[in-house]
């Protein structure tokens, strides 16, 4: 893959994680207080998605910055590519 293709993939991945996080937050809100119980499997899924969204490789702003820099012909300035 070229640098531009890898940067585009990084930007798209960040956007995908953002949409997934929003969807899980909507489901969590719709679940009400029962979603915080330890015996509810959704609780762990919610936490997993939150953790994934906090990872530097999944961050939307960072991914779009890398993609934008690649489009402009600049160095990505990251090792996560």
C-alpha atoms as a PDB file:
ATOM      1  CA  UNK A   1       0.000   0.000   0.000  1.00  0.00           C
ATOM      2  CA  UNK A   2       1.153   3.516  -0.702  1.00  0.00           C
ATOM      3  CA  UNK A   3       1.510   6.111   2.026  1.00  0.00           C
ATOM      4  CA  UNK A   4      -1.654   7.849   0.812  1.00  0.00           C
ATOM      5  CA  UNK A   5      -3.635   4.597   0.886  1.00  0.00           C
ATOM      6  CA  UNK A   6      -2.455   3.817   4.416  1.00  0.00           C
ATOM      7  CA  UNK A   7      -3.282   7.362   5.553  1.00  0.00           C
ATOM      8  CA  UNK A   8      -6.753   7.150   3.959  1.00  0.00           C
ATOM      9  CA  UNK A   9      -7.344   3.834   5.707  1.00  0.00           C
ATOM     10  CA  UNK A  10      -6.310   5.398   9.032  1.00  0.00           C
ATOM     11  CA  UNK A  11      -8.762   8.277   8.522  1.00  0.00           C
ATOM     12  CA  UNK A  12     -11.579   5.927   7.530  1.00  0.00           C
ATOM     13  CA  UNK A  13     -10.846   3.686  10.510  1.00  0.00           C
ATOM     14  CA  UNK A  14     -11.147   6.634  12.875  1.00  0.00           C
ATOM     15  CA  UNK A  15     -14.499   7.577  11.333  1.00  0.00           C
ATOM     16  CA  UNK A  16     -15.721   3.985  11.565  1.00  0.00           C
ATOM     17  CA  UNK A  17     -14.828   3.832  15.262  1.00  0.00           C
ATOM     18  CA  UNK A  18     -16.604   7.175  15.822  1.00  0.00           C
ATOM     19  CA  UNK A  19     -19.807   5.861  14.212  1.00  0.00           C
ATOM     20  CA  UNK A  20     -19.599   2.591  16.125  1.00  0.00           C
ATOM     21  CA  UNK A  21     -19.089   4.426  19.399  1.00  0.00           C
ATOM     22  CA  UNK A  22     -22.095   6.650  18.710  1.00  0.00           C
ATOM     23  CA  UNK A  23     -24.255   3.612  17.915  1.00  0.00           C
ATOM     24  CA  UNK A  24     -23.226   1.834  21.111  1.00  0.00           C
ATOM     25  CA  UNK A  25     -23.876   5.001  23.151  1.00  0.00           C
ATOM     26  CA  UNK A  26     -27.399   5.197  21.684  1.00  0.00           C
ATOM     27  CA  UNK A  27     -28.021   1.561  22.603  1.00  0.00           C
ATOM     28  CA  UNK A  28     -26.625   2.163  26.073  1.00  0.00           C
ATOM     29  CA  UNK A  29     -28.954   5.126  26.599  1.00  0.00           C
ATOM     30  CA  UNK A  30     -31.922   3.106  25.397  1.00  0.00           C
ATOM     31  CA  UNK A  31     -31.032   0.282  27.794  1.00  0.00           C
ATOM     32  CA  UNK A  32     -31.487   2.491  30.828  1.00  0.00           C
ATOM     33  CA  UNK A  33     -30.067   1.662  34.229  1.00  0.00           C
ATOM     34  CA  UNK A  34     -30.044  -2.067  33.579  1.00  0.00           C
ATOM     35  CA  UNK A  35     -27.035  -1.630  31.279  1.00  0.00           C
ATOM     36  CA  UNK A  36     -24.728  -0.996  34.256  1.00  0.00           C
ATOM     37  CA  UNK A  37     -25.436  -4.328  35.953  1.00  0.00           C
ATOM     38  CA  UNK A  38     -22.484  -6.704  36.016  1.00  0.00           C
ATOM     39  CA  UNK A  39     -24.469  -9.638  34.667  1.00  0.00           C
ATOM     40  CA  UNK A  40     -25.491  -7.776  31.485  1.00  0.00           C
ATOM     41  CA  UNK A  41     -23.130  -8.677  28.591  1.00  0.00           C
ATOM     42  CA  UNK A  42     -23.747  -5.330  26.910  1.00  0.00           C
ATOM     43  CA  UNK A  43     -21.897  -3.608  29.748  1.00  0.00           C
ATOM     44  CA  UNK A  44     -18.611  -5.220  28.700  1.00  0.00           C
ATOM     45  CA  UNK A  45     -19.247  -4.467  25.024  1.00  0.00           C
ATOM     46  CA  UNK A  46     -19.889  -0.817  25.886  1.00  0.00           C
ATOM     47  CA  UNK A  47     -16.637  -0.612  27.840  1.00  0.00           C
ATOM     48  CA  UNK A  48     -14.695  -2.348  25.058  1.00  0.00           C
ATOM     49  CA  UNK A  49     -15.931   0.142  22.465  1.00  0.00           C
ATOM     50  CA  UNK A  50     -15.087   3.054  24.761  1.00  0.00           C
ATOM     51  CA  UNK A  51     -11.562   1.692  25.230  1.00  0.00           C
ATOM     52  CA  UNK A  52     -11.110   1.184  21.490  1.00  0.00           C
ATOM     53  CA  UNK A  53     -12.196   4.758  20.808  1.00  0.00           C
ATOM     54  CA  UNK A  54      -9.533   6.043  23.214  1.00  0.00           C
ATOM     55  CA  UNK A  55      -6.705   4.238  21.404  1.00  0.00           C
ATOM     56  CA  UNK A  56      -4.444   6.578  19.420  1.00  0.00           C
ATOM     57  CA  UNK A  57      -4.752   4.438  16.297  1.00  0.00           C
ATOM     58  CA  UNK A  58      -8.544   4.773  16.362  1.00  0.00           C
ATOM     59  CA  UNK A  59      -8.758   8.496  17.086  1.00  0.00           C
ATOM     60  CA  UNK A  60     -10.728  10.341  14.395  1.00  0.00           C
ATOM     61  CA  UNK A  61      -8.920  13.676  14.676  1.00  0.00           C
ATOM     62  CA  UNK A  62      -5.495  12.052  14.534  1.00  0.00           C
ATOM     63  CA  UNK A  63      -6.501   9.844  11.606  1.00  0.00           C
ATOM     64  CA  UNK A  64      -7.893  12.735   9.598  1.00  0.00           C
ATOM     65  CA  UNK A  65      -4.799  14.818  10.344  1.00  0.00           C
ATOM     66  CA  UNK A  66      -2.561  12.056   8.994  1.00  0.00           C
ATOM     67  CA  UNK A  67      -4.767  11.705   5.907  1.00  0.00           C
ATOM     68  CA  UNK A  68      -4.804  15.461   5.324  1.00  0.00           C
ATOM     69  CA  UNK A  69      -1.025  15.658   5.629  1.00  0.00           C
ATOM     70  CA  UNK A  70      -0.661  12.816   3.117  1.00  0.00           C
ATOM     71  CA  UNK A  71      -3.007  14.529   0.645  1.00  0.00           C
ATOM     72  CA  UNK A  72      -0.883  17.684   0.898  1.00  0.00           C
ATOM     73  CA  UNK A  73       2.297  15.702   0.337  1.00  0.00           C
ATOM     74  CA  UNK A  74       3.605  16.294   3.895  1.00  0.00           C
ATOM     75  CA  UNK A  75       5.180  13.723   6.163  1.00  0.00           C
ATOM     76  CA  UNK A  76       2.576  12.023   8.408  1.00  0.00           C
ATOM     77  CA  UNK A  77       4.673  12.643  11.557  1.00  0.00           C
ATOM     78  CA  UNK A  78       3.467   9.434  13.208  1.00  0.00           C
ATOM     79  CA  UNK A  79       4.727   5.906  13.564  1.00  0.00           C
ATOM     80  CA  UNK A  80       1.135   4.585  13.656  1.00  0.00           C
ATOM     81  CA  UNK A  81       0.664   4.263   9.949  1.00  0.00           C
END
